[in-house]
């Protein structure tokens, strides 16, 4: 078990009228002054539940839940940002 880990729950919905590839998720942790402390990217294989098919596109209007575990360096993180990036 890791120390100083934040668990972030993410809920995504593809609002397009067509299926799309699952994105990369980039999580940035910041301190109380907005300074970057850590950044990590998660692939669909890392953030989708084990029971979820990992080699398909994200269907339209379907809720997808993800849990991200991110190390909080020195316990100083007070904010975060999640960016969705194109899958490679």
PDB file of N, CA and C in Angstrom:
ATOM      1  N   UNK A   1       0.849  -1.191   0.000  1.00  0.00           N
ATOM      2  CA  UNK A   1       0.000   0.000   0.000  1.00  0.00           C
ATOM      3  C   UNK A   1       0.886   1.243   0.000  1.00  0.00           C
ATOM      4  N   UNK A   2       0.508   2.227  -0.763  1.00  0.00           N
ATOM      5  CA  UNK A   2       1.268   3.467  -0.857  1.00  0.00           C
ATOM      6  C   UNK A   2       0.771   4.480   0.157  1.00  0.00           C
ATOM      7  N   UNK A   3       1.658   5.373   0.564  1.00  0.00           N
ATOM      8  CA  UNK A   3       1.266   6.462   1.450  1.00  0.00           C
ATOM      9  C   UNK A   3       0.961   7.701   0.627  1.00  0.00           C
ATOM     10  N   UNK A   4       0.172   8.602   1.182  1.00  0.00           N
ATOM     11  CA  UNK A   4      -0.162   9.881   0.544  1.00  0.00           C
ATOM     12  C   UNK A   4      -0.735   9.692  -0.856  1.00  0.00           C
ATOM     13  N   UNK A   5      -1.731   8.855  -0.963  1.00  0.00           N
ATOM     14  CA  UNK A   5      -2.375   8.613  -2.249  1.00  0.00           C
ATOM     15  C   UNK A   5      -3.754   9.270  -2.247  1.00  0.00           C
ATOM     16  N   UNK A   6      -4.051   9.970  -3.316  1.00  0.00           N
ATOM     17  CA  UNK A   6      -5.386  10.552  -3.515  1.00  0.00           C
ATOM     18  C   UNK A   6      -6.141   9.656  -4.487  1.00  0.00           C
ATOM     19  N   UNK A   7      -7.388   9.379  -4.195  1.00  0.00           N
ATOM     20  CA  UNK A   7      -8.230   8.632  -5.128  1.00  0.00           C
ATOM     21  C   UNK A   7      -9.212   9.628  -5.728  1.00  0.00           C
ATOM     22  N   UNK A   8      -9.160   9.749  -7.038  1.00  0.00           N
ATOM     23  CA  UNK A   8     -10.009  10.696  -7.759  1.00  0.00           C
ATOM     24  C   UNK A   8     -11.012   9.899  -8.582  1.00  0.00           C
ATOM     25  N   UNK A   9     -12.279  10.200  -8.382  1.00  0.00           N
ATOM     26  CA  UNK A   9     -13.341   9.550  -9.164  1.00  0.00           C
ATOM     27  C   UNK A   9     -13.666  10.451 -10.355  1.00  0.00           C
ATOM     28  N   UNK A  10     -13.662   9.857 -11.525  1.00  0.00           N
ATOM     29  CA  UNK A  10     -13.936  10.582 -12.762  1.00  0.00           C
ATOM     30  C   UNK A  10     -15.173   9.968 -13.414  1.00  0.00           C
ATOM     31  N   UNK A  11     -16.078  10.821 -13.862  1.00  0.00           N
ATOM     32  CA  UNK A  11     -17.258  10.372 -14.590  1.00  0.00           C
ATOM     33  C   UNK A  11     -17.217  11.026 -15.962  1.00  0.00           C
ATOM     34  N   UNK A  12     -17.247  10.210 -17.010  1.00  0.00           N
ATOM     35  CA  UNK A  12     -17.189  10.721 -18.389  1.00  0.00           C
ATOM     36  C   UNK A  12     -18.427  10.264 -19.153  1.00  0.00           C
ATOM     37  N   UNK A  13     -18.861  11.114 -20.068  1.00  0.00           N
ATOM     38  CA  UNK A  13     -19.944  10.767 -20.978  1.00  0.00           C
ATOM     39  C   UNK A  13     -19.551  11.273 -22.355  1.00  0.00           C
ATOM     40  N   UNK A  14     -19.598  10.417 -23.338  1.00  0.00           N
ATOM     41  CA  UNK A  14     -19.352  10.812 -24.728  1.00  0.00           C
ATOM     42  C   UNK A  14     -20.631  11.448 -25.257  1.00  0.00           C
ATOM     43  N   UNK A  15     -20.628  12.761 -25.421  1.00  0.00           N
ATOM     44  CA  UNK A  15     -21.826  13.478 -25.880  1.00  0.00           C
ATOM     45  C   UNK A  15     -21.932  13.531 -27.408  1.00  0.00           C
ATOM     46  N   UNK A  16     -20.923  13.007 -28.108  1.00  0.00           N
ATOM     47  CA  UNK A  16     -20.986  12.957 -29.572  1.00  0.00           C
ATOM     48  C   UNK A  16     -22.014  11.906 -29.991  1.00  0.00           C
ATOM     49  N   UNK A  17     -22.498  12.000 -31.211  1.00  0.00           N
ATOM     50  CA  UNK A  17     -23.492  11.043 -31.705  1.00  0.00           C
ATOM     51  C   UNK A  17     -22.841   9.783 -32.262  1.00  0.00           C
ATOM     52  N   UNK A  18     -21.543   9.634 -32.055  1.00  0.00           N
ATOM     53  CA  UNK A  18     -20.800   8.484 -32.587  1.00  0.00           C
ATOM     54  C   UNK A  18     -19.790   8.010 -31.540  1.00  0.00           C
ATOM     55  N   UNK A  19     -19.407   6.743 -31.596  1.00  0.00           N
ATOM     56  CA  UNK A  19     -18.403   6.235 -30.658  1.00  0.00           C
ATOM     57  C   UNK A  19     -17.050   6.909 -30.894  1.00  0.00           C
ATOM     58  N   UNK A  20     -16.275   7.042 -29.814  1.00  0.00           N
ATOM     59  CA  UNK A  20     -14.944   7.644 -29.910  1.00  0.00           C
ATOM     60  C   UNK A  20     -13.963   6.814 -29.082  1.00  0.00           C
ATOM     61  N   UNK A  21     -12.688   6.858 -29.451  1.00  0.00           N
ATOM     62  CA  UNK A  21     -11.702   6.146 -28.634  1.00  0.00           C
ATOM     63  C   UNK A  21     -11.642   6.742 -27.227  1.00  0.00           C
ATOM     64  N   UNK A  22     -11.402   5.879 -26.248  1.00  0.00           N
ATOM     65  CA  UNK A  22     -11.193   6.366 -24.883  1.00  0.00           C
ATOM     66  C   UNK A  22      -9.956   7.252 -24.867  1.00  0.00           C
ATOM     67  N   UNK A  23      -9.999   8.368 -24.140  1.00  0.00           N
ATOM     68  CA  UNK A  23      -8.849   9.286 -24.117  1.00  0.00           C
ATOM     69  C   UNK A  23      -7.794   8.867 -23.093  1.00  0.00           C
ATOM     70  N   UNK A  24      -6.615   9.447 -23.226  1.00  0.00           N
ATOM     71  CA  UNK A  24      -5.647   9.440 -22.141  1.00  0.00           C
ATOM     72  C   UNK A  24      -6.156  10.440 -21.124  1.00  0.00           C
ATOM     73  N   UNK A  25      -5.927  10.187 -19.836  1.00  0.00           N
ATOM     74  CA  UNK A  25      -6.268  11.163 -18.801  1.00  0.00           C
ATOM     75  C   UNK A  25      -4.971  11.640 -18.179  1.00  0.00           C
ATOM     76  N   UNK A  26      -4.772  12.945 -18.221  1.00  0.00           N
ATOM     77  CA  UNK A  26      -3.587  13.532 -17.589  1.00  0.00           C
ATOM     78  C   UNK A  26      -4.028  14.262 -16.329  1.00  0.00           C
ATOM     79  N   UNK A  27      -3.487  13.845 -15.191  1.00  0.00           N
ATOM     80  CA  UNK A  27      -3.827  14.443 -13.901  1.00  0.00           C
ATOM     81  C   UNK A  27      -2.643  15.278 -13.430  1.00  0.00           C
ATOM     82  N   UNK A  28      -2.909  16.542 -13.115  1.00  0.00           N
ATOM     83  CA  UNK A  28      -1.891  17.439 -12.564  1.00  0.00           C
ATOM     84  C   UNK A  28      -2.315  17.829 -11.157  1.00  0.00           C
ATOM     85  N   UNK A  29      -1.404  17.678 -10.200  1.00  0.00           N
ATOM     86  CA  UNK A  29      -1.655  18.096  -8.824  1.00  0.00           C
ATOM     87  C   UNK A  29      -0.951  19.419  -8.574  1.00  0.00           C
ATOM     88  N   UNK A  30      -1.631  20.328  -7.874  1.00  0.00           N
ATOM     89  CA  UNK A  30      -1.053  21.639  -7.581  1.00  0.00           C
ATOM     90  C   UNK A  30      -1.122  21.913  -6.083  1.00  0.00           C
ATOM     91  N   UNK A  31      -0.250  22.827  -5.639  1.00  0.00           N
ATOM     92  CA  UNK A  31      -0.288  23.228  -4.232  1.00  0.00           C
ATOM     93  C   UNK A  31      -1.224  24.417  -4.074  1.00  0.00           C
ATOM     94  N   UNK A  32      -1.290  24.986  -2.878  1.00  0.00           N
ATOM     95  CA  UNK A  32      -2.217  26.087  -2.608  1.00  0.00           C
ATOM     96  C   UNK A  32      -1.872  27.361  -3.375  1.00  0.00           C
ATOM     97  N   UNK A  33      -0.651  27.439  -3.936  1.00  0.00           N
ATOM     98  CA  UNK A  33      -0.255  28.592  -4.752  1.00  0.00           C
ATOM     99  C   UNK A  33      -0.412  28.330  -6.246  1.00  0.00           C
ATOM    100  N   UNK A  34      -0.963  27.168  -6.589  1.00  0.00           N
ATOM    101  CA  UNK A  34      -1.163  26.835  -7.990  1.00  0.00           C
ATOM    102  C   UNK A  34       0.076  26.271  -8.678  1.00  0.00           C
ATOM    103  N   UNK A  35       1.121  25.975  -7.909  1.00  0.00           N
ATOM    104  CA  UNK A  35       2.346  25.432  -8.486  1.00  0.00           C
ATOM    105  C   UNK A  35       2.203  23.927  -8.699  1.00  0.00           C
ATOM    106  N   UNK A  36       2.683  23.465  -9.840  1.00  0.00           N
ATOM    107  CA  UNK A  36       2.604  22.056 -10.192  1.00  0.00           C
ATOM    108  C   UNK A  36       3.475  21.220  -9.264  1.00  0.00           C
ATOM    109  N   UNK A  37       2.888  20.175  -8.683  1.00  0.00           N
ATOM    110  CA  UNK A  37       3.623  19.258  -7.815  1.00  0.00           C
ATOM    111  C   UNK A  37       3.909  17.932  -8.512  1.00  0.00           C
ATOM    112  N   UNK A  38       2.945  17.462  -9.296  1.00  0.00           N
ATOM    113  CA  UNK A  38       3.088  16.170  -9.960  1.00  0.00           C
ATOM    114  C   UNK A  38       2.144  16.113 -11.144  1.00  0.00           C
ATOM    115  N   UNK A  39       2.515  15.275 -12.114  1.00  0.00           N
ATOM    116  CA  UNK A  39       1.666  15.081 -13.300  1.00  0.00           C
ATOM    117  C   UNK A  39       1.811  13.624 -13.712  1.00  0.00           C
ATOM    118  N   UNK A  40       0.694  13.032 -14.061  1.00  0.00           N
ATOM    119  CA  UNK A  40       0.722  11.637 -14.505  1.00  0.00           C
ATOM    120  C   UNK A  40      -0.352  11.414 -15.549  1.00  0.00           C
ATOM    121  N   UNK A  41      -0.034  10.561 -16.527  1.00  0.00           N
ATOM    122  CA  UNK A  41      -1.012  10.176 -17.536  1.00  0.00           C
ATOM    123  C   UNK A  41      -1.489   8.752 -17.269  1.00  0.00           C
ATOM    124  N   UNK A  42      -2.791   8.537 -17.497  1.00  0.00           N
ATOM    125  CA  UNK A  42      -3.406   7.224 -17.344  1.00  0.00           C
ATOM    126  C   UNK A  42      -3.965   6.789 -18.692  1.00  0.00           C
ATOM    127  N   UNK A  43      -3.669   5.575 -19.093  1.00  0.00           N
ATOM    128  CA  UNK A  43      -4.232   5.007 -20.314  1.00  0.00           C
ATOM    129  C   UNK A  43      -5.585   4.388 -19.984  1.00  0.00           C
ATOM    130  N   UNK A  44      -6.414   4.135 -21.003  1.00  0.00           N
ATOM    131  CA  UNK A  44      -7.698   3.473 -20.731  1.00  0.00           C
ATOM    132  C   UNK A  44      -7.525   2.147 -19.988  1.00  0.00           C
ATOM    133  N   UNK A  45      -6.495   1.397 -20.297  1.00  0.00           N
ATOM    134  CA  UNK A  45      -6.260   0.123 -19.600  1.00  0.00           C
ATOM    135  C   UNK A  45      -6.006   0.337 -18.110  1.00  0.00           C
ATOM    136  N   UNK A  46      -5.477   1.495 -17.751  1.00  0.00           N
ATOM    137  CA  UNK A  46      -5.194   1.776 -16.346  1.00  0.00           C
ATOM    138  C   UNK A  46      -6.423   2.295 -15.603  1.00  0.00           C
ATOM    139  N   UNK A  47      -7.293   3.046 -16.282  1.00  0.00           N
ATOM    140  CA  UNK A  47      -8.403   3.656 -15.540  1.00  0.00           C
ATOM    141  C   UNK A  47      -9.750   2.964 -15.678  1.00  0.00           C
ATOM    142  N   UNK A  48      -9.904   2.066 -16.634  1.00  0.00           N
ATOM    143  CA  UNK A  48     -11.175   1.366 -16.763  1.00  0.00           C
ATOM    144  C   UNK A  48     -11.220   0.191 -15.790  1.00  0.00           C
ATOM    145  N   UNK A  49     -12.395  -0.102 -15.281  1.00  0.00           N
ATOM    146  CA  UNK A  49     -12.565  -1.223 -14.363  1.00  0.00           C
ATOM    147  C   UNK A  49     -12.209  -2.523 -15.068  1.00  0.00           C
ATOM    148  N   UNK A  50     -11.758  -3.491 -14.298  1.00  0.00           N
ATOM    149  CA  UNK A  50     -11.340  -4.759 -14.886  1.00  0.00           C
ATOM    150  C   UNK A  50     -12.461  -5.449 -15.642  1.00  0.00           C
ATOM    151  N   UNK A  51     -13.704  -5.250 -15.231  1.00  0.00           N
ATOM    152  CA  UNK A  51     -14.832  -5.890 -15.898  1.00  0.00           C
ATOM    153  C   UNK A  51     -15.244  -5.180 -17.185  1.00  0.00           C
ATOM    154  N   UNK A  52     -14.668  -4.001 -17.433  1.00  0.00           N
ATOM    155  CA  UNK A  52     -15.033  -3.202 -18.599  1.00  0.00           C
ATOM    156  C   UNK A  52     -14.181  -3.608 -19.795  1.00  0.00           C
ATOM    157  N   UNK A  53     -14.788  -3.758 -20.999  1.00  0.00           N
ATOM    158  CA  UNK A  53     -13.966  -4.070 -22.174  1.00  0.00           C
ATOM    159  C   UNK A  53     -12.988  -2.935 -22.462  1.00  0.00           C
ATOM    160  N   UNK A  54     -11.731  -3.259 -22.684  1.00  0.00           N
ATOM    161  CA  UNK A  54     -10.705  -2.235 -22.817  1.00  0.00           C
ATOM    162  C   UNK A  54     -10.281  -1.984 -24.264  1.00  0.00           C
ATOM    163  N   UNK A  55     -10.826  -2.718 -25.193  1.00  0.00           N
ATOM    164  CA  UNK A  55     -10.389  -2.552 -26.569  1.00  0.00           C
ATOM    165  C   UNK A  55     -11.501  -2.022 -27.470  1.00  0.00           C
ATOM    166  N   UNK A  56     -12.485  -1.350 -26.880  1.00  0.00           N
ATOM    167  CA  UNK A  56     -13.598  -0.804 -27.649  1.00  0.00           C
ATOM    168  C   UNK A  56     -13.631   0.708 -27.488  1.00  0.00           C
ATOM    169  N   UNK A  57     -14.400   1.328 -28.332  1.00  0.00           N
ATOM    170  CA  UNK A  57     -14.581   2.774 -28.238  1.00  0.00           C
ATOM    171  C   UNK A  57     -15.602   3.108 -27.162  1.00  0.00           C
ATOM    172  N   UNK A  58     -15.584   4.364 -26.767  1.00  0.00           N
ATOM    173  CA  UNK A  58     -16.530   4.893 -25.803  1.00  0.00           C
ATOM    174  C   UNK A  58     -17.848   5.157 -26.536  1.00  0.00           C
ATOM    175  N   UNK A  59     -18.894   4.451 -26.136  1.00  0.00           N
ATOM    176  CA  UNK A  59     -20.195   4.587 -26.796  1.00  0.00           C
ATOM    177  C   UNK A  59     -20.816   5.953 -26.490  1.00  0.00           C
ATOM    178  N   UNK A  60     -21.741   6.360 -27.316  1.00  0.00           N
ATOM    179  CA  UNK A  60     -22.454   7.621 -27.114  1.00  0.00           C
ATOM    180  C   UNK A  60     -23.395   7.521 -25.922  1.00  0.00           C
ATOM    181  N   UNK A  61     -23.474   8.611 -25.150  1.00  0.00           N
ATOM    182  CA  UNK A  61     -24.431   8.755 -24.047  1.00  0.00           C
ATOM    183  C   UNK A  61     -24.396   7.616 -23.029  1.00  0.00           C
ATOM    184  N   UNK A  62     -23.228   7.067 -22.791  1.00  0.00           N
ATOM    185  CA  UNK A  62     -23.057   6.039 -21.769  1.00  0.00           C
ATOM    186  C   UNK A  62     -22.117   6.596 -20.703  1.00  0.00           C
ATOM    187  N   UNK A  63     -22.508   6.474 -19.433  1.00  0.00           N
ATOM    188  CA  UNK A  63     -21.676   6.962 -18.335  1.00  0.00           C
ATOM    189  C   UNK A  63     -20.540   5.967 -18.098  1.00  0.00           C
ATOM    190  N   UNK A  64     -19.324   6.498 -18.044  1.00  0.00           N
ATOM    191  CA  UNK A  64     -18.138   5.688 -17.757  1.00  0.00           C
ATOM    192  C   UNK A  64     -17.508   6.225 -16.480  1.00  0.00           C
ATOM    193  N   UNK A  65     -17.334   5.357 -15.501  1.00  0.00           N
ATOM    194  CA  UNK A  65     -16.711   5.731 -14.237  1.00  0.00           C
ATOM    195  C   UNK A  65     -15.266   5.249 -14.225  1.00  0.00           C
ATOM    196  N   UNK A  66     -14.399   6.056 -13.657  1.00  0.00           N
ATOM    197  CA  UNK A  66     -12.992   5.679 -13.520  1.00  0.00           C
ATOM    198  C   UNK A  66     -12.503   6.116 -12.155  1.00  0.00           C
ATOM    199  N   UNK A  67     -11.587   5.327 -11.592  1.00  0.00           N
ATOM    200  CA  UNK A  67     -10.929   5.683 -10.349  1.00  0.00           C
ATOM    201  C   UNK A  67      -9.446   5.832 -10.624  1.00  0.00           C
ATOM    202  N   UNK A  68      -8.884   6.965 -10.226  1.00  0.00           N
ATOM    203  CA  UNK A  68      -7.469   7.239 -10.432  1.00  0.00           C
ATOM    204  C   UNK A  68      -6.796   7.373  -9.076  1.00  0.00           C
ATOM    205  N   UNK A  69      -5.749   6.614  -8.863  1.00  0.00           N
ATOM    206  CA  UNK A  69      -4.951   6.738  -7.647  1.00  0.00           C
ATOM    207  C   UNK A  69      -3.695   7.515  -7.997  1.00  0.00           C
ATOM    208  N   UNK A  70      -3.509   8.657  -7.339  1.00  0.00           N
ATOM    209  CA  UNK A  70      -2.394   9.557  -7.630  1.00  0.00           C
ATOM    210  C   UNK A  70      -1.626   9.811  -6.344  1.00  0.00           C
ATOM    211  N   UNK A  71      -0.308   9.658  -6.404  1.00  0.00           N
ATOM    212  CA  UNK A  71       0.528   9.944  -5.242  1.00  0.00           C
ATOM    213  C   UNK A  71       0.538  11.438  -4.981  1.00  0.00           C
ATOM    214  N   UNK A  72       0.357  11.817  -3.726  1.00  0.00           N
ATOM    215  CA  UNK A  72       0.343  13.217  -3.305  1.00  0.00           C
ATOM    216  C   UNK A  72       1.691  13.524  -2.631  1.00  0.00           C
ATOM    217  N   UNK A  73       2.639  14.085  -3.389  1.00  0.00           N
ATOM    218  CA  UNK A  73       3.977  14.313  -2.830  1.00  0.00           C
ATOM    219  C   UNK A  73       3.930  15.182  -1.575  1.00  0.00           C
ATOM    220  N   UNK A  74       4.489  14.678  -0.513  1.00  0.00           N
ATOM    221  CA  UNK A  74       4.571  15.405   0.756  1.00  0.00           C
ATOM    222  C   UNK A  74       3.203  15.806   1.308  1.00  0.00           C
ATOM    223  N   UNK A  75       2.111  15.287   0.761  1.00  0.00           N
ATOM    224  CA  UNK A  75       0.780  15.631   1.243  1.00  0.00           C
ATOM    225  C   UNK A  75       0.408  17.086   1.009  1.00  0.00           C
ATOM    226  N   UNK A  76       1.077  17.756   0.059  1.00  0.00           N
ATOM    227  CA  UNK A  76       0.865  19.197  -0.143  1.00  0.00           C
ATOM    228  C   UNK A  76      -0.168  19.538  -1.202  1.00  0.00           C
ATOM    229  N   UNK A  77      -0.644  18.561  -1.950  1.00  0.00           N
ATOM    230  CA  UNK A  77      -1.585  18.871  -3.027  1.00  0.00           C
ATOM    231  C   UNK A  77      -2.901  19.387  -2.459  1.00  0.00           C
ATOM    232  N   UNK A  78      -3.368  20.487  -3.028  1.00  0.00           N
ATOM    233  CA  UNK A  78      -4.657  21.035  -2.605  1.00  0.00           C
ATOM    234  C   UNK A  78      -5.590  21.249  -3.794  1.00  0.00           C
ATOM    235  N   UNK A  79      -5.095  20.970  -4.984  1.00  0.00           N
ATOM    236  CA  UNK A  79      -5.919  21.110  -6.177  1.00  0.00           C
ATOM    237  C   UNK A  79      -5.459  20.140  -7.243  1.00  0.00           C
ATOM    238  N   UNK A  80      -6.322  19.919  -8.223  1.00  0.00           N
ATOM    239  CA  UNK A  80      -5.940  19.056  -9.342  1.00  0.00           C
ATOM    240  C   UNK A  80      -6.668  19.492 -10.600  1.00  0.00           C
ATOM    241  N   UNK A  81      -6.138  19.043 -11.721  1.00  0.00           N
ATOM    242  CA  UNK A  81      -6.746  19.284 -13.026  1.00  0.00           C
ATOM    243  C   UNK A  81      -6.654  17.983 -13.794  1.00  0.00           C
ATOM    244  N   UNK A  82      -7.716  17.655 -14.523  1.00  0.00           N
ATOM    245  CA  UNK A  82      -7.706  16.469 -15.391  1.00  0.00           C
ATOM    246  C   UNK A  82      -7.911  16.956 -16.813  1.00  0.00           C
ATOM    247  N   UNK A  83      -6.968  16.599 -17.659  1.00  0.00           N
ATOM    248  CA  UNK A  83      -7.096  16.896 -19.097  1.00  0.00           C
ATOM    249  C   UNK A  83      -7.297  15.604 -19.842  1.00  0.00           C
ATOM    250  N   UNK A  84      -8.238  15.604 -20.796  1.00  0.00           N
ATOM    251  CA  UNK A  84      -8.452  14.455 -21.658  1.00  0.00           C
ATOM    252  C   UNK A  84      -7.673  14.686 -22.931  1.00  0.00           C
ATOM    253  N   UNK A  85      -6.816  13.739 -23.265  1.00  0.00           N
ATOM    254  CA  UNK A  85      -5.928  13.860 -24.419  1.00  0.00           C
ATOM    255  C   UNK A  85      -6.246  12.746 -25.417  1.00  0.00           C
ATOM    256  N   UNK A  86      -5.945  12.981 -26.703  1.00  0.00           N
ATOM    257  CA  UNK A  86      -6.191  11.930 -27.693  1.00  0.00           C
ATOM    258  C   UNK A  86      -5.395  10.665 -27.348  1.00  0.00           C
ATOM    259  N   UNK A  87      -6.027   9.539 -27.544  1.00  0.00           N
ATOM    260  CA  UNK A  87      -5.338   8.264 -27.311  1.00  0.00           C
ATOM    261  C   UNK A  87      -4.287   8.072 -28.398  1.00  0.00           C
ATOM    262  N   UNK A  88      -3.174   7.438 -28.043  1.00  0.00           N
ATOM    263  CA  UNK A  88      -2.118   7.230 -29.048  1.00  0.00           C
ATOM    264  C   UNK A  88      -2.511   6.228 -30.094  1.00  0.00           C
TER     265      UNK A  88
END
